[in-house]
PDB file of N, CA and C in Angstrom:
ATOM      1  N   MET A   1     -26.003  98.019   3.439  1.00  0.00           N
ATOM      2  CA  MET A   1     -26.106  96.869   2.566  1.00  0.00           C
ATOM      3  C   MET A   1     -25.280  97.117   1.303  1.00  0.00           C
ATOM      4  N   THR A   2     -24.595  96.110   0.898  1.00  0.00           N
ATOM      5  CA  THR A   2     -23.802  96.229  -0.314  1.00  0.00           C
ATOM      6  C   THR A   2     -24.696  96.027  -1.536  1.00  0.00           C
ATOM      7  N   ASN A   3     -24.123  96.335  -2.681  1.00  0.00           N
ATOM      8  CA  ASN A   3     -24.887  96.171  -3.916  1.00  0.00           C
ATOM      9  C   ASN A   3     -25.260  94.716  -4.157  1.00  0.00           C
ATOM     10  N   LEU A   4     -24.378  93.804  -3.792  1.00  0.00           N
ATOM     11  CA  LEU A   4     -24.666  92.382  -3.978  1.00  0.00           C
ATOM     12  C   LEU A   4     -25.835  91.945  -3.103  1.00  0.00           C
ATOM     13  N   GLU A   5     -25.886  92.416  -1.870  1.00  0.00           N
ATOM     14  CA  GLU A   5     -26.994  92.064  -0.979  1.00  0.00           C
ATOM     15  C   GLU A   5     -28.319  92.615  -1.514  1.00  0.00           C
ATOM     16  N   VAL A   6     -28.294  93.831  -2.008  1.00  0.00           N
ATOM     17  CA  VAL A   6     -29.504  94.431  -2.580  1.00  0.00           C
ATOM     18  C   VAL A   6     -29.944  93.640  -3.799  1.00  0.00           C
ATOM     19  N   PHE A   7     -28.995  93.274  -4.653  1.00  0.00           N
ATOM     20  CA  PHE A   7     -29.311  92.493  -5.848  1.00  0.00           C
ATOM     21  C   PHE A   7     -29.908  91.150  -5.471  1.00  0.00           C
ATOM     22  N   LEU A   8     -29.324  90.463  -4.503  1.00  0.00           N
ATOM     23  CA  LEU A   8     -29.845  89.163  -4.072  1.00  0.00           C
ATOM     24  C   LEU A   8     -31.238  89.293  -3.471  1.00  0.00           C
ATOM     25  N   LEU A   9     -31.475  90.349  -2.715  1.00  0.00           N
ATOM     26  CA  LEU A   9     -32.800  90.587  -2.143  1.00  0.00           C
ATOM     27  C   LEU A   9     -33.833  90.801  -3.242  1.00  0.00           C
ATOM     28  N   ILE A  10     -33.478  91.566  -4.253  1.00  0.00           N
ATOM     29  CA  ILE A  10     -34.387  91.808  -5.369  1.00  0.00           C
ATOM     30  C   ILE A  10     -34.679  90.508  -6.120  1.00  0.00           C
ATOM     31  N   VAL A  11     -33.637  89.699  -6.350  1.00  0.00           N
ATOM     32  CA  VAL A  11     -33.821  88.430  -7.057  1.00  0.00           C
ATOM     33  C   VAL A  11     -34.746  87.512  -6.265  1.00  0.00           C
ATOM     34  N   ILE A  12     -34.552  87.418  -4.965  1.00  0.00           N
ATOM     35  CA  ILE A  12     -35.395  86.562  -4.125  1.00  0.00           C
ATOM     36  C   ILE A  12     -36.846  87.046  -4.147  1.00  0.00           C
ATOM     37  N   LEU A  13     -37.041  88.351  -4.038  1.00  0.00           N
ATOM     38  CA  LEU A  13     -38.399  88.895  -4.082  1.00  0.00           C
ATOM     39  C   LEU A  13     -39.062  88.634  -5.431  1.00  0.00           C
ATOM     40  N   LEU A  14     -38.312  88.773  -6.518  1.00  0.00           N
ATOM     41  CA  LEU A  14     -38.877  88.499  -7.837  1.00  0.00           C
ATOM     42  C   LEU A  14     -39.265  87.028  -7.989  1.00  0.00           C
ATOM     43  N   ILE A  15     -38.447  86.135  -7.445  1.00  0.00           N
ATOM     44  CA  ILE A  15     -38.771  84.710  -7.519  1.00  0.00           C
ATOM     45  C   ILE A  15     -40.039  84.411  -6.715  1.00  0.00           C
ATOM     46  N   VAL A  16     -40.134  84.980  -5.527  1.00  0.00           N
ATOM     47  CA  VAL A  16     -41.313  84.748  -4.681  1.00  0.00           C
ATOM     48  C   VAL A  16     -42.567  85.333  -5.330  1.00  0.00           C
ATOM     49  N   ILE A  17     -42.467  86.559  -5.823  1.00  0.00           N
ATOM     50  CA  ILE A  17     -43.627  87.198  -6.446  1.00  0.00           C
ATOM     51  C   ILE A  17     -44.006  86.465  -7.733  1.00  0.00           C
ATOM     52  N   GLY A  18     -43.008  86.120  -8.546  1.00  0.00           N
ATOM     53  CA  GLY A  18     -43.277  85.399  -9.785  1.00  0.00           C
ATOM     54  C   GLY A  18     -43.916  84.047  -9.533  1.00  0.00           C
ATOM     55  N   GLY A  19     -43.417  83.344  -8.534  1.00  0.00           N
ATOM     56  CA  GLY A  19     -44.012  82.054  -8.181  1.00  0.00           C
ATOM     57  C   GLY A  19     -45.438  82.206  -7.700  1.00  0.00           C
ATOM     58  N   GLY A  20     -45.691  83.256  -6.929  1.00  0.00           N
ATOM     59  CA  GLY A  20     -47.045  83.519  -6.459  1.00  0.00           C
ATOM     60  C   GLY A  20     -47.993  83.839  -7.604  1.00  0.00           C
ATOM     61  N   VAL A  21     -47.518  84.610  -8.556  1.00  0.00           N
ATOM     62  CA  VAL A  21     -48.348  84.962  -9.722  1.00  0.00           C
ATOM     63  C   VAL A  21     -48.663  83.714 -10.536  1.00  0.00           C
ATOM     64  N   ILE A  22     -47.653  82.875 -10.756  1.00  0.00           N
ATOM     65  CA  ILE A  22     -47.877  81.653 -11.527  1.00  0.00           C
ATOM     66  C   ILE A  22     -48.859  80.732 -10.804  1.00  0.00           C
ATOM     67  N   LEU A  23     -48.684  80.583  -9.499  1.00  0.00           N
ATOM     68  CA  LEU A  23     -49.598  79.748  -8.723  1.00  0.00           C
ATOM     69  C   LEU A  23     -51.016  80.315  -8.753  1.00  0.00           C
ATOM     70  N   TYR A  24     -51.127  81.625  -8.627  1.00  0.00           N
ATOM     71  CA  TYR A  24     -52.420  82.293  -8.645  1.00  0.00           C
ATOM     72  C   TYR A  24     -53.148  82.057  -9.971  1.00  0.00           C
ATOM     73  N   LEU A  25     -52.425  82.240 -11.082  1.00  0.00           N
ATOM     74  CA  LEU A  25     -53.029  82.021 -12.390  1.00  0.00           C
ATOM     75  C   LEU A  25     -53.387  80.555 -12.597  1.00  0.00           C
ATOM     76  N   ALA A  26     -52.539  79.662 -12.096  1.00  0.00           N
ATOM     77  CA  ALA A  26     -52.827  78.234 -12.235  1.00  0.00           C
ATOM     78  C   ALA A  26     -54.099  77.868 -11.479  1.00  0.00           C
ATOM     79  N   LEU A  27     -54.256  78.388 -10.277  1.00  0.00           N
ATOM     80  CA  LEU A  27     -55.462  78.092  -9.502  1.00  0.00           C
ATOM     81  C   LEU A  27     -56.702  78.692 -10.154  1.00  0.00           C
ATOM     82  N   ALA A  28     -56.576  79.888 -10.702  1.00  0.00           N
ATOM     83  CA  ALA A  28     -57.715  80.502 -11.385  1.00  0.00           C
ATOM     84  C   ALA A  28     -58.094  79.684 -12.616  1.00  0.00           C
ATOM     85  N   GLY A  29     -57.104  79.266 -13.379  1.00  0.00           N
ATOM     86  CA  GLY A  29     -57.373  78.446 -14.554  1.00  0.00           C
ATOM     87  C   GLY A  29     -57.990  77.112 -14.184  1.00  0.00           C
ATOM     88  N   LEU A  30     -57.481  76.509 -13.118  1.00  0.00           N
ATOM     89  CA  LEU A  30     -58.031  75.239 -12.652  1.00  0.00           C
ATOM     90  C   LEU A  30     -59.491  75.399 -12.241  1.00  0.00           C
ATOM     91  N   ALA A  31     -59.795  76.486 -11.548  1.00  0.00           N
ATOM     92  CA  ALA A  31     -61.175  76.717 -11.122  1.00  0.00           C
ATOM     93  C   ALA A  31     -62.097  76.913 -12.320  1.00  0.00           C
ATOM     94  N   ILE A  32     -61.609  77.614 -13.338  1.00  0.00           N
ATOM     95  CA  ILE A  32     -62.437  77.842 -14.522  1.00  0.00           C
ATOM     96  C   ILE A  32     -62.657  76.535 -15.283  1.00  0.00           C
ATOM     97  N   ILE A  33     -61.593  75.759 -15.474  1.00  0.00           N
ATOM     98  CA  ILE A  33     -61.737  74.474 -16.159  1.00  0.00           C
ATOM     99  C   ILE A  33     -62.671  73.557 -15.368  1.00  0.00           C
ATOM    100  N   TYR A  34     -62.512  73.578 -14.064  1.00  0.00           N
ATOM    101  CA  TYR A  34     -63.353  72.759 -13.201  1.00  0.00           C
ATOM    102  C   TYR A  34     -64.820  73.139 -13.350  1.00  0.00           C
ATOM    103  N   SER A  35     -65.070  74.433 -13.512  1.00  0.00           N
ATOM    104  CA  SER A  35     -66.452  74.902 -13.591  1.00  0.00           C
ATOM    105  C   SER A  35     -67.081  74.650 -14.956  1.00  0.00           C
ATOM    106  N   MET A  36     -66.286  74.347 -15.950  1.00  0.00           N
ATOM    107  CA  MET A  36     -66.817  74.179 -17.301  1.00  0.00           C
ATOM    108  C   MET A  36     -67.389  72.787 -17.536  1.00  0.00           C
ATOM    109  N   GLY A  37     -67.432  71.977 -16.514  1.00  0.00           N
ATOM    110  CA  GLY A  37     -68.102  70.703 -16.656  1.00  0.00           C
ATOM    111  C   GLY A  37     -67.180  69.521 -16.875  1.00  0.00           C
ATOM    112  N   ALA A  38     -65.903  69.673 -16.613  1.00  0.00           N
ATOM    113  CA  ALA A  38     -64.971  68.556 -16.788  1.00  0.00           C
ATOM    114  C   ALA A  38     -64.987  67.671 -15.546  1.00  0.00           C
ATOM    115  N   ASN A  39     -66.139  67.554 -14.931  1.00  0.00           N
ATOM    116  CA  ASN A  39     -66.275  66.738 -13.718  1.00  0.00           C
ATOM    117  C   ASN A  39     -67.711  66.245 -13.627  1.00  0.00           C
ATOM    118  N   GLU A  40     -67.959  65.445 -12.633  1.00  0.00           N
ATOM    119  CA  GLU A  40     -69.295  64.884 -12.439  1.00  0.00           C
ATOM    120  C   GLU A  40     -69.976  65.450 -11.186  1.00  0.00           C
ATOM    121  N   ASN A  41     -69.476  66.553 -10.674  1.00  0.00           N
ATOM    122  CA  ASN A  41     -70.031  67.132  -9.461  1.00  0.00           C
ATOM    123  C   ASN A  41     -71.319  67.895  -9.756  1.00  0.00           C
ATOM    124  N   PRO A  42     -72.085  68.184  -8.723  1.00  0.00           N
ATOM    125  CA  PRO A  42     -73.344  68.927  -8.917  1.00  0.00           C
ATOM    126  C   PRO A  42     -73.115  70.300  -9.549  1.00  0.00           C
ATOM    127  N   LYS A  43     -74.149  70.772 -10.202  1.00  0.00           N
ATOM    128  CA  LYS A  43     -74.050  72.037 -10.924  1.00  0.00           C
ATOM    129  C   LYS A  43     -73.730  73.210 -10.000  1.00  0.00           C
ATOM    130  N   GLY A  44     -74.270  73.220  -8.794  1.00  0.00           N
ATOM    131  CA  GLY A  44     -74.015  74.322  -7.862  1.00  0.00           C
ATOM    132  C   GLY A  44     -72.536  74.476  -7.542  1.00  0.00           C
ATOM    133  N   ARG A  45     -71.841  73.360  -7.381  1.00  0.00           N
ATOM    134  CA  ARG A  45     -70.414  73.424  -7.074  1.00  0.00           C
ATOM    135  C   ARG A  45     -69.627  73.952  -8.270  1.00  0.00           C
ATOM    136  N   ARG A  46     -70.024  73.550  -9.476  1.00  0.00           N
ATOM    137  CA  ARG A  46     -69.338  74.037 -10.672  1.00  0.00           C
ATOM    138  C   ARG A  46     -69.538  75.540 -10.833  1.00  0.00           C
ATOM    139  N   ILE A  47     -70.744  76.006 -10.550  1.00  0.00           N
ATOM    140  CA  ILE A  47     -71.009  77.446 -10.641  1.00  0.00           C
ATOM    141  C   ILE A  47     -70.170  78.198  -9.616  1.00  0.00           C
ATOM    142  N   PHE A  48     -70.076  77.671  -8.394  1.00  0.00           N
ATOM    143  CA  PHE A  48     -69.267  78.310  -7.359  1.00  0.00           C
ATOM    144  C   PHE A  48     -67.815  78.451  -7.803  1.00  0.00           C
ATOM    145  N   PHE A  49     -67.236  77.369  -8.334  1.00  0.00           N
ATOM    146  CA  PHE A  49     -65.842  77.436  -8.751  1.00  0.00           C
ATOM    147  C   PHE A  49     -65.667  78.319  -9.986  1.00  0.00           C
ATOM    148  N   GLY A  50     -66.664  78.393 -10.817  1.00  0.00           N
ATOM    149  CA  GLY A  50     -66.605  79.309 -11.955  1.00  0.00           C
ATOM    150  C   GLY A  50     -66.563  80.753 -11.510  1.00  0.00           C
ATOM    151  N   VAL A  51     -67.444  81.099 -10.584  1.00  0.00           N
ATOM    152  CA  VAL A  51     -67.462  82.462 -10.044  1.00  0.00           C
ATOM    153  C   VAL A  51     -66.147  82.745  -9.323  1.00  0.00           C
ATOM    154  N   LEU A  52     -65.648  81.781  -8.560  1.00  0.00           N
ATOM    155  CA  LEU A  52     -64.376  81.951  -7.861  1.00  0.00           C
ATOM    156  C   LEU A  52     -63.239  82.204  -8.848  1.00  0.00           C
ATOM    157  N   GLY A  53     -63.206  81.457  -9.948  1.00  0.00           N
ATOM    158  CA  GLY A  53     -62.170  81.658 -10.953  1.00  0.00           C
ATOM    159  C   GLY A  53     -62.242  83.038 -11.584  1.00  0.00           C
ATOM    160  N   VAL A  54     -63.430  83.480 -11.902  1.00  0.00           N
ATOM    161  CA  VAL A  54     -63.598  84.812 -12.498  1.00  0.00           C
ATOM    162  C   VAL A  54     -63.176  85.894 -11.508  1.00  0.00           C
ATOM    163  N   VAL A  55     -63.556  85.751 -10.254  1.00  0.00           N
ATOM    164  CA  VAL A  55     -63.162  86.730  -9.227  1.00  0.00           C
ATOM    165  C   VAL A  55     -61.647  86.757  -9.068  1.00  0.00           C
ATOM    166  N   MET A  56     -61.000  85.600  -9.109  1.00  0.00           N
ATOM    167  CA  MET A  56     -59.542  85.556  -8.976  1.00  0.00           C
ATOM    168  C   MET A  56     -58.864  86.264 -10.142  1.00  0.00           C
ATOM    169  N   ILE A  57     -59.370  86.060 -11.353  1.00  0.00           N
ATOM    170  CA  ILE A  57     -58.776  86.719 -12.513  1.00  0.00           C
ATOM    171  C   ILE A  57     -58.977  88.235 -12.431  1.00  0.00           C
ATOM    172  N   ILE A  58     -60.175  88.670 -12.056  1.00  0.00           N
ATOM    173  CA  ILE A  58     -60.442  90.104 -11.930  1.00  0.00           C
ATOM    174  C   ILE A  58     -59.555  90.709 -10.847  1.00  0.00           C
ATOM    175  N   ALA A  59     -59.411  90.018  -9.718  1.00  0.00           N
ATOM    176  CA  ALA A  59     -58.550  90.520  -8.645  1.00  0.00           C
ATOM    177  C   ALA A  59     -57.102  90.608  -9.101  1.00  0.00           C
ATOM    178  N   PHE A  60     -56.648  89.626  -9.878  1.00  0.00           N
ATOM    179  CA  PHE A  60     -55.279  89.660 -10.386  1.00  0.00           C
ATOM    180  C   PHE A  60     -55.070  90.850 -11.315  1.00  0.00           C
ATOM    181  N   VAL A  61     -56.023  91.101 -12.202  1.00  0.00           N
ATOM    182  CA  VAL A  61     -55.902  92.234 -13.127  1.00  0.00           C
ATOM    183  C   VAL A  61     -55.906  93.548 -12.355  1.00  0.00           C
ATOM    184  N   CYS A  62     -56.804  93.675 -11.389  1.00  0.00           N
ATOM    185  CA  CYS A  62     -56.863  94.907 -10.592  1.00  0.00           C
ATOM    186  C   CYS A  62     -55.581  95.121  -9.794  1.00  0.00           C
ATOM    187  N   ALA A  63     -55.051  94.055  -9.205  1.00  0.00           N
ATOM    188  CA  ALA A  63     -53.800  94.172  -8.455  1.00  0.00           C
ATOM    189  C   ALA A  63     -52.651  94.547  -9.381  1.00  0.00           C
ATOM    190  N   SER A  64     -52.620  93.974 -10.571  1.00  0.00           N
ATOM    191  CA  SER A  64     -51.559  94.298 -11.523  1.00  0.00           C
ATOM    192  C   SER A  64     -51.621  95.769 -11.929  1.00  0.00           C
ATOM    193  N   ILE A  65     -52.817  96.263 -12.191  1.00  0.00           N
ATOM    194  CA  ILE A  65     -52.979  97.674 -12.549  1.00  0.00           C
ATOM    195  C   ILE A  65     -52.565  98.565 -11.387  1.00  0.00           C
ATOM    196  N   TYR A  66     -52.969  98.216 -10.169  1.00  0.00           N
ATOM    197  CA  TYR A  66     -52.615  99.015  -8.997  1.00  0.00           C
ATOM    198  C   TYR A  66     -51.102  99.072  -8.810  1.00  0.00           C
ATOM    199  N   PHE A  67     -50.439  97.905  -8.889  1.00  0.00           N
ATOM    200  CA  PHE A  67     -48.989  97.875  -8.692  1.00  0.00           C
ATOM    201  C   PHE A  67     -48.272  98.630  -9.800  1.00  0.00           C
ATOM    202  N   HIS A  68     -48.791  98.567 -11.020  1.00  0.00           N
ATOM    203  CA  HIS A  68     -48.167  99.304 -12.118  1.00  0.00           C
ATOM    204  C   HIS A  68     -48.332 100.816 -11.928  1.00  0.00           C
ATOM    205  N   LYS A  69     -49.490 101.204 -11.445  1.00  0.00           N
ATOM    206  CA  LYS A  69     -49.784 102.637 -11.304  1.00  0.00           C
ATOM    207  C   LYS A  69     -49.115 103.258 -10.075  1.00  0.00           C
ATOM    208  N   TYR A  70     -49.180 102.578  -8.916  1.00  0.00           N
ATOM    209  CA  TYR A  70     -48.705 103.163  -7.679  1.00  0.00           C
ATOM    210  C   TYR A  70     -47.406 102.538  -7.145  1.00  0.00           C
ATOM    211  N   GLY A  71     -46.965 101.447  -7.741  1.00  0.00           N
ATOM    212  CA  GLY A  71     -45.750 100.795  -7.282  1.00  0.00           C
ATOM    213  C   GLY A  71     -46.040  99.834  -6.122  1.00  0.00           C
ATOM    214  N   TRP A  72     -44.993  99.125  -5.728  1.00  0.00           N
ATOM    215  CA  TRP A  72     -45.126  98.162  -4.644  1.00  0.00           C
ATOM    216  C   TRP A  72     -45.347  98.896  -3.329  1.00  0.00           C
ATOM    217  N   PRO A  73     -46.324  98.508  -2.505  1.00  0.00           N
ATOM    218  CA  PRO A  73     -46.677  99.296  -1.319  1.00  0.00           C
ATOM    219  C   PRO A  73     -45.660  99.246  -0.173  1.00  0.00           C
ATOM    220  N   LEU A  74     -44.682  98.381  -0.232  1.00  0.00           N
ATOM    221  CA  LEU A  74     -43.734  98.300   0.885  1.00  0.00           C
ATOM    222  C   LEU A  74     -42.596  99.276   0.726  1.00  0.00           C
TER     223      LEU A  74
END
């Protein structure tokens, strides 16, 4: 592989990973906002989405720490 091919592969991977991170954070934020009562749904559903949002944020932080400490697993 030439240097240009390696560079393009890295750029594509960064775009995919960056897009995934942004989407992940957006969904976590949406779940948290949804759980804070900005809707008319039953309380049980709001609690579920609140817990889901918190779990997503914790998972994101743990994954970020893991990738920083051990590097990308591939």
